[in-house]
Each structure stands twice: as C-alpha cells, then as structure tokens.
C-alpha cells in the first residue's frame, strides 16, 4: 500500500497537483481504481482533465476529475442495476 500511495503522490505531482487536497483526491482515486487508472480504456477521458493546461481550470482539475469519476461510477452502477 505504501508503494502505491508513494507512486500516486509522485504521479499527482507530475500532473501539476501541488495543493495537499488535490494530491489527496488523486491518491484516493488511485487507491480505489488502481495504479495508472487513467490509462485504462474505461477512464481514457481522464487524460483530458489531467493534461488540461488552462490556467483558469488549474486549481479545480483534481476536484473536477474526482467528481467526474464519482459520476462515472454511479452511472456504471445504475446501468448494472437496470440489467
């Protein structure tokens, strides 16, 4: 677990997250979804958020990603229930 968290912290920094809350949100996603989740086909859309260089969005990227993943998981779960 320690290796996973350290990897996630380093990856968060590579994506430009420096605020503790942003790093924590990214680490939470890695712990729940798995290492390198953003490279999985199901979460390919996350790359757009992680690489968004718009200065106006910079301080909201981690929260945007976190909420988008939560939305995706809820929609996936709702889809499974309907089947």
PDB file of N, CA and C in Angstrom:
ATOM      1  N   UNK A   1       0.824  -1.185   0.000  1.00  0.00           N
ATOM      2  CA  UNK A   1       0.000   0.000   0.000  1.00  0.00           C
ATOM      3  C   UNK A   1       0.872   1.255   0.000  1.00  0.00           C
ATOM      4  N   UNK A   2       1.945   1.195   0.776  1.00  0.00           N
ATOM      5  CA  UNK A   2       2.838   2.358   0.837  1.00  0.00           C
ATOM      6  C   UNK A   2       3.413   2.684  -0.546  1.00  0.00           C
ATOM      7  N   UNK A   3       3.832   1.645  -1.275  1.00  0.00           N
ATOM      8  CA  UNK A   3       4.378   1.857  -2.613  1.00  0.00           C
ATOM      9  C   UNK A   3       3.329   2.476  -3.525  1.00  0.00           C
ATOM     10  N   UNK A   4       2.100   2.011  -3.417  1.00  0.00           N
ATOM     11  CA  UNK A   4       1.015   2.534  -4.239  1.00  0.00           C
ATOM     12  C   UNK A   4       0.767   4.011  -3.946  1.00  0.00           C
ATOM     13  N   UNK A   5       0.728   4.356  -2.678  1.00  0.00           N
ATOM     14  CA  UNK A   5       0.488   5.752  -2.293  1.00  0.00           C
ATOM     15  C   UNK A   5       1.641   6.643  -2.739  1.00  0.00           C
ATOM     16  N   UNK A   6       2.870   6.187  -2.545  1.00  0.00           N
ATOM     17  CA  UNK A   6       4.025   6.986  -2.991  1.00  0.00           C
ATOM     18  C   UNK A   6       4.009   7.185  -4.505  1.00  0.00           C
ATOM     19  N   UNK A   7       3.669   6.138  -5.225  1.00  0.00           N
ATOM     20  CA  UNK A   7       3.551   6.248  -6.686  1.00  0.00           C
ATOM     21  C   UNK A   7       2.476   7.270  -7.048  1.00  0.00           C
ATOM     22  N   UNK A   8       1.341   7.197  -6.362  1.00  0.00           N
ATOM     23  CA  UNK A   8       0.236   8.117  -6.647  1.00  0.00           C
ATOM     24  C   UNK A   8       0.626   9.561  -6.330  1.00  0.00           C
ATOM     25  N   UNK A   9       1.330   9.771  -5.230  1.00  0.00           N
ATOM     26  CA  UNK A   9       1.775  11.126  -4.877  1.00  0.00           C
ATOM     27  C   UNK A   9       2.716  11.659  -5.946  1.00  0.00           C
ATOM     28  N   UNK A  10       3.659  10.846  -6.382  1.00  0.00           N
ATOM     29  CA  UNK A  10       4.590  11.276  -7.430  1.00  0.00           C
ATOM     30  C   UNK A  10       3.859  11.562  -8.731  1.00  0.00           C
ATOM     31  N   UNK A  11       2.903  10.716  -9.081  1.00  0.00           N
ATOM     32  CA  UNK A  11       2.140  10.924 -10.316  1.00  0.00           C
ATOM     33  C   UNK A  11       1.310  12.206 -10.208  1.00  0.00           C
ATOM     34  N   UNK A  12       0.736  12.463  -9.031  1.00  0.00           N
ATOM     35  CA  UNK A  12      -0.037  13.693  -8.827  1.00  0.00           C
ATOM     36  C   UNK A  12       0.841  14.915  -9.066  1.00  0.00           C
ATOM     37  N   UNK A  13       2.049  14.865  -8.573  1.00  0.00           N
ATOM     38  CA  UNK A  13       2.983  15.981  -8.785  1.00  0.00           C
ATOM     39  C   UNK A  13       3.324  16.139 -10.265  1.00  0.00           C
ATOM     40  N   UNK A  14       3.486  15.010 -10.968  1.00  0.00           N
ATOM     41  CA  UNK A  14       3.762  15.072 -12.411  1.00  0.00           C
ATOM     42  C   UNK A  14       2.617  15.749 -13.157  1.00  0.00           C
ATOM     43  N   UNK A  15       1.402  15.552 -12.677  1.00  0.00           N
ATOM     44  CA  UNK A  15       0.242  16.183 -13.297  1.00  0.00           C
ATOM     45  C   UNK A  15       0.068  17.628 -12.849  1.00  0.00           C
ATOM     46  N   UNK A  16       0.935  18.102 -11.987  1.00  0.00           N
ATOM     47  CA  UNK A  16       0.896  19.501 -11.573  1.00  0.00           C
ATOM     48  C   UNK A  16       0.075  19.771 -10.329  1.00  0.00           C
ATOM     49  N   UNK A  17      -0.335  18.733  -9.622  1.00  0.00           N
ATOM     50  CA  UNK A  17      -1.077  18.939  -8.385  1.00  0.00           C
ATOM     51  C   UNK A  17      -0.077  19.222  -7.274  1.00  0.00           C
ATOM     52  N   UNK A  18      -0.241  20.351  -6.610  1.00  0.00           N
ATOM     53  CA  UNK A  18       0.679  20.690  -5.529  1.00  0.00           C
ATOM     54  C   UNK A  18      -0.048  20.901  -4.209  1.00  0.00           C
ATOM     55  N   UNK A  19      -1.290  21.326  -4.256  1.00  0.00           N
ATOM     56  CA  UNK A  19      -2.066  21.512  -3.026  1.00  0.00           C
ATOM     57  C   UNK A  19      -2.354  20.143  -2.411  1.00  0.00           C
ATOM     58  N   UNK A  20      -2.256  20.056  -1.099  1.00  0.00           N
ATOM     59  CA  UNK A  20      -2.457  18.793  -0.395  1.00  0.00           C
ATOM     60  C   UNK A  20      -3.815  18.181  -0.734  1.00  0.00           C
ATOM     61  N   UNK A  21      -4.862  18.987  -0.781  1.00  0.00           N
ATOM     62  CA  UNK A  21      -6.200  18.466  -1.084  1.00  0.00           C
ATOM     63  C   UNK A  21      -6.246  17.841  -2.475  1.00  0.00           C
ATOM     64  N   UNK A  22      -5.569  18.448  -3.439  1.00  0.00           N
ATOM     65  CA  UNK A  22      -5.543  17.913  -4.802  1.00  0.00           C
ATOM     66  C   UNK A  22      -4.801  16.578  -4.853  1.00  0.00           C
ATOM     67  N   UNK A  23      -3.672  16.521  -4.178  1.00  0.00           N
ATOM     68  CA  UNK A  23      -2.887  15.283  -4.135  1.00  0.00           C
ATOM     69  C   UNK A  23      -3.703  14.185  -3.451  1.00  0.00           C
ATOM     70  N   UNK A  24      -4.369  14.532  -2.369  1.00  0.00           N
ATOM     71  CA  UNK A  24      -5.186  13.548  -1.650  1.00  0.00           C
ATOM     72  C   UNK A  24      -6.305  13.000  -2.535  1.00  0.00           C
ATOM     73  N   UNK A  25      -6.956  13.866  -3.304  1.00  0.00           N
ATOM     74  CA  UNK A  25      -8.029  13.406  -4.186  1.00  0.00           C
ATOM     75  C   UNK A  25      -7.481  12.446  -5.232  1.00  0.00           C
ATOM     76  N   UNK A  26      -6.328  12.776  -5.796  1.00  0.00           N
ATOM     77  CA  UNK A  26      -5.739  11.889  -6.800  1.00  0.00           C
ATOM     78  C   UNK A  26      -5.345  10.555  -6.164  1.00  0.00           C
ATOM     79  N   UNK A  27      -4.745  10.592  -4.992  1.00  0.00           N
ATOM     80  CA  UNK A  27      -4.356   9.356  -4.303  1.00  0.00           C
ATOM     81  C   UNK A  27      -5.600   8.517  -4.018  1.00  0.00           C
ATOM     82  N   UNK A  28      -6.668   9.146  -3.564  1.00  0.00           N
ATOM     83  CA  UNK A  28      -7.919   8.411  -3.321  1.00  0.00           C
ATOM     84  C   UNK A  28      -8.368   7.667  -4.579  1.00  0.00           C
ATOM     85  N   UNK A  29      -8.308   8.343  -5.715  1.00  0.00           N
ATOM     86  CA  UNK A  29      -8.728   7.708  -6.966  1.00  0.00           C
ATOM     87  C   UNK A  29      -7.834   6.518  -7.310  1.00  0.00           C
ATOM     88  N   UNK A  30      -6.539   6.665  -7.108  1.00  0.00           N
ATOM     89  CA  UNK A  30      -5.607   5.571  -7.399  1.00  0.00           C
ATOM     90  C   UNK A  30      -5.864   4.382  -6.475  1.00  0.00           C
ATOM     91  N   UNK A  31      -6.114   4.644  -5.217  1.00  0.00           N
ATOM     92  CA  UNK A  31      -6.363   3.553  -4.271  1.00  0.00           C
ATOM     93  C   UNK A  31      -7.645   2.808  -4.644  1.00  0.00           C
ATOM     94  N   UNK A  32      -8.676   3.536  -5.046  1.00  0.00           N
ATOM     95  CA  UNK A  32      -9.951   2.906  -5.385  1.00  0.00           C
ATOM     96  C   UNK A  32      -9.939   2.255  -6.767  1.00  0.00           C
ATOM     97  N   UNK A  33      -9.365   2.954  -7.757  1.00  0.00           N
ATOM     98  CA  UNK A  33      -9.445   2.496  -9.153  1.00  0.00           C
ATOM     99  C   UNK A  33      -8.234   1.714  -9.624  1.00  0.00           C
ATOM    100  N   UNK A  34      -7.129   1.864  -8.918  1.00  0.00           N
ATOM    101  CA  UNK A  34      -5.920   1.148  -9.298  1.00  0.00           C
ATOM    102  C   UNK A  34      -4.865   2.059  -9.902  1.00  0.00           C
ATOM    103  N   UNK A  35      -3.655   1.582  -9.787  1.00  0.00           N
ATOM    104  CA  UNK A  35      -2.498   2.304 -10.310  1.00  0.00           C
ATOM    105  C   UNK A  35      -2.666   2.518 -11.807  1.00  0.00           C
ATOM    106  N   UNK A  36      -2.396   3.725 -12.245  1.00  0.00           N
ATOM    107  CA  UNK A  36      -2.467   4.072 -13.671  1.00  0.00           C
ATOM    108  C   UNK A  36      -3.866   3.912 -14.251  1.00  0.00           C
ATOM    109  N   UNK A  37      -4.886   4.144 -13.414  1.00  0.00           N
ATOM    110  CA  UNK A  37      -6.267   4.008 -13.879  1.00  0.00           C
ATOM    111  C   UNK A  37      -6.543   4.869 -15.098  1.00  0.00           C
ATOM    112  N   UNK A  38      -5.884   6.026 -15.165  1.00  0.00           N
ATOM    113  CA  UNK A  38      -6.144   6.969 -16.251  1.00  0.00           C
ATOM    114  C   UNK A  38      -5.706   6.438 -17.620  1.00  0.00           C
ATOM    115  N   UNK A  39      -4.976   5.347 -17.635  1.00  0.00           N
ATOM    116  CA  UNK A  39      -4.551   4.743 -18.904  1.00  0.00           C
ATOM    117  C   UNK A  39      -5.447   3.576 -19.315  1.00  0.00           C
ATOM    118  N   UNK A  40      -6.421   3.248 -18.466  1.00  0.00           N
ATOM    119  CA  UNK A  40      -7.380   2.199 -18.811  1.00  0.00           C
ATOM    120  C   UNK A  40      -8.429   2.781 -19.755  1.00  0.00           C
ATOM    121  N   UNK A  41      -8.884   1.966 -20.674  1.00  0.00           N
ATOM    122  CA  UNK A  41      -9.847   2.428 -21.674  1.00  0.00           C
ATOM    123  C   UNK A  41     -11.080   3.063 -21.024  1.00  0.00           C
ATOM    124  N   UNK A  42     -11.559   2.471 -19.951  1.00  0.00           N
ATOM    125  CA  UNK A  42     -12.761   2.968 -19.277  1.00  0.00           C
ATOM    126  C   UNK A  42     -12.611   4.403 -18.780  1.00  0.00           C
ATOM    127  N   UNK A  43     -11.372   4.788 -18.458  1.00  0.00           N
ATOM    128  CA  UNK A  43     -11.109   6.125 -17.919  1.00  0.00           C
ATOM    129  C   UNK A  43     -10.233   6.969 -18.844  1.00  0.00           C
ATOM    130  N   UNK A  44     -10.222   6.651 -20.110  1.00  0.00           N
ATOM    131  CA  UNK A  44      -9.379   7.386 -21.066  1.00  0.00           C
ATOM    132  C   UNK A  44      -9.697   8.879 -21.069  1.00  0.00           C
ATOM    133  N   UNK A  45     -10.934   9.217 -20.813  1.00  0.00           N
ATOM    134  CA  UNK A  45     -11.345  10.623 -20.763  1.00  0.00           C
ATOM    135  C   UNK A  45     -10.622  11.400 -19.660  1.00  0.00           C
ATOM    136  N   UNK A  46     -10.113  10.711 -18.655  1.00  0.00           N
ATOM    137  CA  UNK A  46      -9.409  11.377 -17.556  1.00  0.00           C
ATOM    138  C   UNK A  46      -8.140  12.078 -18.047  1.00  0.00           C
ATOM    139  N   UNK A  47      -7.562  11.577 -19.113  1.00  0.00           N
ATOM    140  CA  UNK A  47      -6.342  12.198 -19.660  1.00  0.00           C
ATOM    141  C   UNK A  47      -6.578  13.662 -20.031  1.00  0.00           C
ATOM    142  N   UNK A  48      -7.734  13.937 -20.587  1.00  0.00           N
ATOM    143  CA  UNK A  48      -8.049  15.316 -20.983  1.00  0.00           C
ATOM    144  C   UNK A  48      -8.030  16.237 -19.762  1.00  0.00           C
ATOM    145  N   UNK A  49      -8.601  15.781 -18.674  1.00  0.00           N
ATOM    146  CA  UNK A  49      -8.627  16.585 -17.448  1.00  0.00           C
ATOM    147  C   UNK A  49      -7.221  16.713 -16.868  1.00  0.00           C
ATOM    148  N   UNK A  50      -6.496  15.617 -16.813  1.00  0.00           N
ATOM    149  CA  UNK A  50      -5.169  15.620 -16.206  1.00  0.00           C
ATOM    150  C   UNK A  50      -4.163  16.464 -16.977  1.00  0.00           C
ATOM    151  N   UNK A  51      -4.365  16.602 -18.270  1.00  0.00           N
ATOM    152  CA  UNK A  51      -3.419  17.368 -19.098  1.00  0.00           C
ATOM    153  C   UNK A  51      -3.946  18.743 -19.492  1.00  0.00           C
ATOM    154  N   UNK A  52      -5.064  19.143 -18.925  1.00  0.00           N
ATOM    155  CA  UNK A  52      -5.634  20.462 -19.221  1.00  0.00           C
ATOM    156  C   UNK A  52      -4.697  21.538 -18.678  1.00  0.00           C
ATOM    157  N   UNK A  53      -4.207  22.379 -19.539  1.00  0.00           N
ATOM    158  CA  UNK A  53      -3.250  23.423 -19.146  1.00  0.00           C
ATOM    159  C   UNK A  53      -3.899  24.796 -19.000  1.00  0.00           C
ATOM    160  N   UNK A  54      -5.211  24.843 -19.073  1.00  0.00           N
ATOM    161  CA  UNK A  54      -5.928  26.103 -18.927  1.00  0.00           C
ATOM    162  C   UNK A  54      -5.697  26.647 -17.519  1.00  0.00           C
ATOM    163  N   UNK A  55      -5.069  27.810 -17.388  1.00  0.00           N
ATOM    164  CA  UNK A  55      -4.770  28.350 -16.056  1.00  0.00           C
ATOM    165  C   UNK A  55      -6.023  28.565 -15.207  1.00  0.00           C
ATOM    166  N   UNK A  56      -7.141  28.896 -15.842  1.00  0.00           N
ATOM    167  CA  UNK A  56      -8.377  29.136 -15.098  1.00  0.00           C
ATOM    168  C   UNK A  56      -8.893  27.857 -14.451  1.00  0.00           C
ATOM    169  N   UNK A  57      -8.597  26.714 -15.046  1.00  0.00           N
ATOM    170  CA  UNK A  57      -9.074  25.430 -14.530  1.00  0.00           C
ATOM    171  C   UNK A  57      -8.054  24.750 -13.616  1.00  0.00           C
ATOM    172  N   UNK A  58      -6.845  25.267 -13.559  1.00  0.00           N
ATOM    173  CA  UNK A  58      -5.751  24.597 -12.852  1.00  0.00           C
ATOM    174  C   UNK A  58      -6.089  24.241 -11.410  1.00  0.00           C
ATOM    175  N   UNK A  59      -6.675  25.171 -10.675  1.00  0.00           N
ATOM    176  CA  UNK A  59      -6.915  24.874  -9.265  1.00  0.00           C
ATOM    177  C   UNK A  59      -8.156  24.024  -9.035  1.00  0.00           C
ATOM    178  N   UNK A  60      -8.872  23.689 -10.113  1.00  0.00           N
ATOM    179  CA  UNK A  60     -10.072  22.871  -9.980  1.00  0.00           C
ATOM    180  C   UNK A  60      -9.945  21.498 -10.646  1.00  0.00           C
ATOM    181  N   UNK A  61      -8.808  21.227 -11.282  1.00  0.00           N
ATOM    182  CA  UNK A  61      -8.659  19.978 -12.040  1.00  0.00           C
ATOM    183  C   UNK A  61      -8.845  18.725 -11.188  1.00  0.00           C
ATOM    184  N   UNK A  62      -8.244  18.685 -10.015  1.00  0.00           N
ATOM    185  CA  UNK A  62      -8.345  17.489  -9.168  1.00  0.00           C
ATOM    186  C   UNK A  62      -9.795  17.261  -8.731  1.00  0.00           C
ATOM    187  N   UNK A  63     -10.462  18.325  -8.340  1.00  0.00           N
ATOM    188  CA  UNK A  63     -11.857  18.206  -7.926  1.00  0.00           C
ATOM    189  C   UNK A  63     -12.734  17.823  -9.106  1.00  0.00           C
ATOM    190  N   UNK A  64     -12.475  18.406 -10.257  1.00  0.00           N
ATOM    191  CA  UNK A  64     -13.208  18.081 -11.485  1.00  0.00           C
ATOM    192  C   UNK A  64     -13.049  16.585 -11.792  1.00  0.00           C
ATOM    193  N   UNK A  65     -11.822  16.105 -11.753  1.00  0.00           N
ATOM    194  CA  UNK A  65     -11.550  14.689 -12.018  1.00  0.00           C
ATOM    195  C   UNK A  65     -12.241  13.801 -10.987  1.00  0.00           C
ATOM    196  N   UNK A  66     -12.124  14.149  -9.725  1.00  0.00           N
ATOM    197  CA  UNK A  66     -12.704  13.362  -8.646  1.00  0.00           C
ATOM    198  C   UNK A  66     -14.219  13.225  -8.830  1.00  0.00           C
ATOM    199  N   UNK A  67     -14.878  14.343  -9.110  1.00  0.00           N
ATOM    200  CA  UNK A  67     -16.337  14.311  -9.283  1.00  0.00           C
ATOM    201  C   UNK A  67     -16.751  13.605 -10.565  1.00  0.00           C
ATOM    202  N   UNK A  68     -15.960  13.760 -11.597  1.00  0.00           N
ATOM    203  CA  UNK A  68     -16.260  13.077 -12.858  1.00  0.00           C
ATOM    204  C   UNK A  68     -16.150  11.556 -12.675  1.00  0.00           C
ATOM    205  N   UNK A  69     -15.154  11.097 -11.942  1.00  0.00           N
ATOM    206  CA  UNK A  69     -15.011   9.660 -11.666  1.00  0.00           C
ATOM    207  C   UNK A  69     -16.191   9.180 -10.831  1.00  0.00           C
ATOM    208  N   UNK A  70     -16.576   9.933  -9.797  1.00  0.00           N
ATOM    209  CA  UNK A  70     -17.729   9.550  -8.979  1.00  0.00           C
ATOM    210  C   UNK A  70     -18.988   9.445  -9.838  1.00  0.00           C
ATOM    211  N   UNK A  71     -19.167  10.394 -10.736  1.00  0.00           N
ATOM    212  CA  UNK A  71     -20.319  10.373 -11.633  1.00  0.00           C
ATOM    213  C   UNK A  71     -20.269   9.135 -12.530  1.00  0.00           C
ATOM    214  N   UNK A  72     -19.113   8.858 -13.084  1.00  0.00           N
ATOM    215  CA  UNK A  72     -18.937   7.695 -13.955  1.00  0.00           C
ATOM    216  C   UNK A  72     -19.260   6.400 -13.207  1.00  0.00           C
ATOM    217  N   UNK A  73     -18.759   6.276 -11.983  1.00  0.00           N
ATOM    218  CA  UNK A  73     -19.013   5.074 -11.191  1.00  0.00           C
ATOM    219  C   UNK A  73     -20.499   4.931 -10.855  1.00  0.00           C
ATOM    220  N   UNK A  74     -21.142   6.042 -10.542  1.00  0.00           N
ATOM    221  CA  UNK A  74     -22.579   5.993 -10.239  1.00  0.00           C
ATOM    222  C   UNK A  74     -23.373   5.578 -11.471  1.00  0.00           C
ATOM    223  N   UNK A  75     -23.024   6.129 -12.631  1.00  0.00           N
ATOM    224  CA  UNK A  75     -23.715   5.768 -13.871  1.00  0.00           C
ATOM    225  C   UNK A  75     -23.481   4.301 -14.218  1.00  0.00           C
ATOM    226  N   UNK A  76     -22.268   3.834 -14.003  1.00  0.00           N
ATOM    227  CA  UNK A  76     -21.950   2.427 -14.267  1.00  0.00           C
ATOM    228  C   UNK A  76     -22.756   1.525 -13.345  1.00  0.00           C
ATOM    229  N   UNK A  77     -22.827   1.887 -12.072  1.00  0.00           N
ATOM    230  CA  UNK A  77     -23.583   1.102 -11.097  1.00  0.00           C
ATOM    231  C   UNK A  77     -25.073   1.112 -11.440  1.00  0.00           C
ATOM    232  N   UNK A  78     -25.605   2.265 -11.815  1.00  0.00           N
ATOM    233  CA  UNK A  78     -27.020   2.344 -12.202  1.00  0.00           C
ATOM    234  C   UNK A  78     -27.304   1.498 -13.427  1.00  0.00           C
ATOM    235  N   UNK A  79     -26.377   1.480 -14.367  1.00  0.00           N
ATOM    236  CA  UNK A  79     -26.527   0.653 -15.570  1.00  0.00           C
ATOM    237  C   UNK A  79     -26.552  -0.817 -15.233  1.00  0.00           C
ATOM    238  N   UNK A  80     -25.742  -1.228 -14.280  1.00  0.00           N
ATOM    239  CA  UNK A  80     -25.700  -2.635 -13.858  1.00  0.00           C
ATOM    240  C   UNK A  80     -26.998  -3.036 -13.166  1.00  0.00           C
ATOM    241  N   UNK A  81     -27.558  -2.119 -12.388  1.00  0.00           N
ATOM    242  CA  UNK A  81     -28.808  -2.413 -11.674  1.00  0.00           C
ATOM    243  C   UNK A  81     -29.973  -2.598 -12.645  1.00  0.00           C
ATOM    244  N   UNK A  82     -29.953  -1.862 -13.754  1.00  0.00           N
ATOM    245  CA  UNK A  82     -31.035  -1.932 -14.723  1.00  0.00           C
ATOM    246  C   UNK A  82     -30.999  -3.215 -15.546  1.00  0.00           C
ATOM    247  N   UNK A  83     -29.851  -3.861 -15.579  1.00  0.00           N
ATOM    248  CA  UNK A  83     -29.709  -5.066 -16.402  1.00  0.00           C
ATOM    249  C   UNK A  83     -30.347  -6.232 -15.776  1.00  0.00           C
TER     250      UNK A  83
END
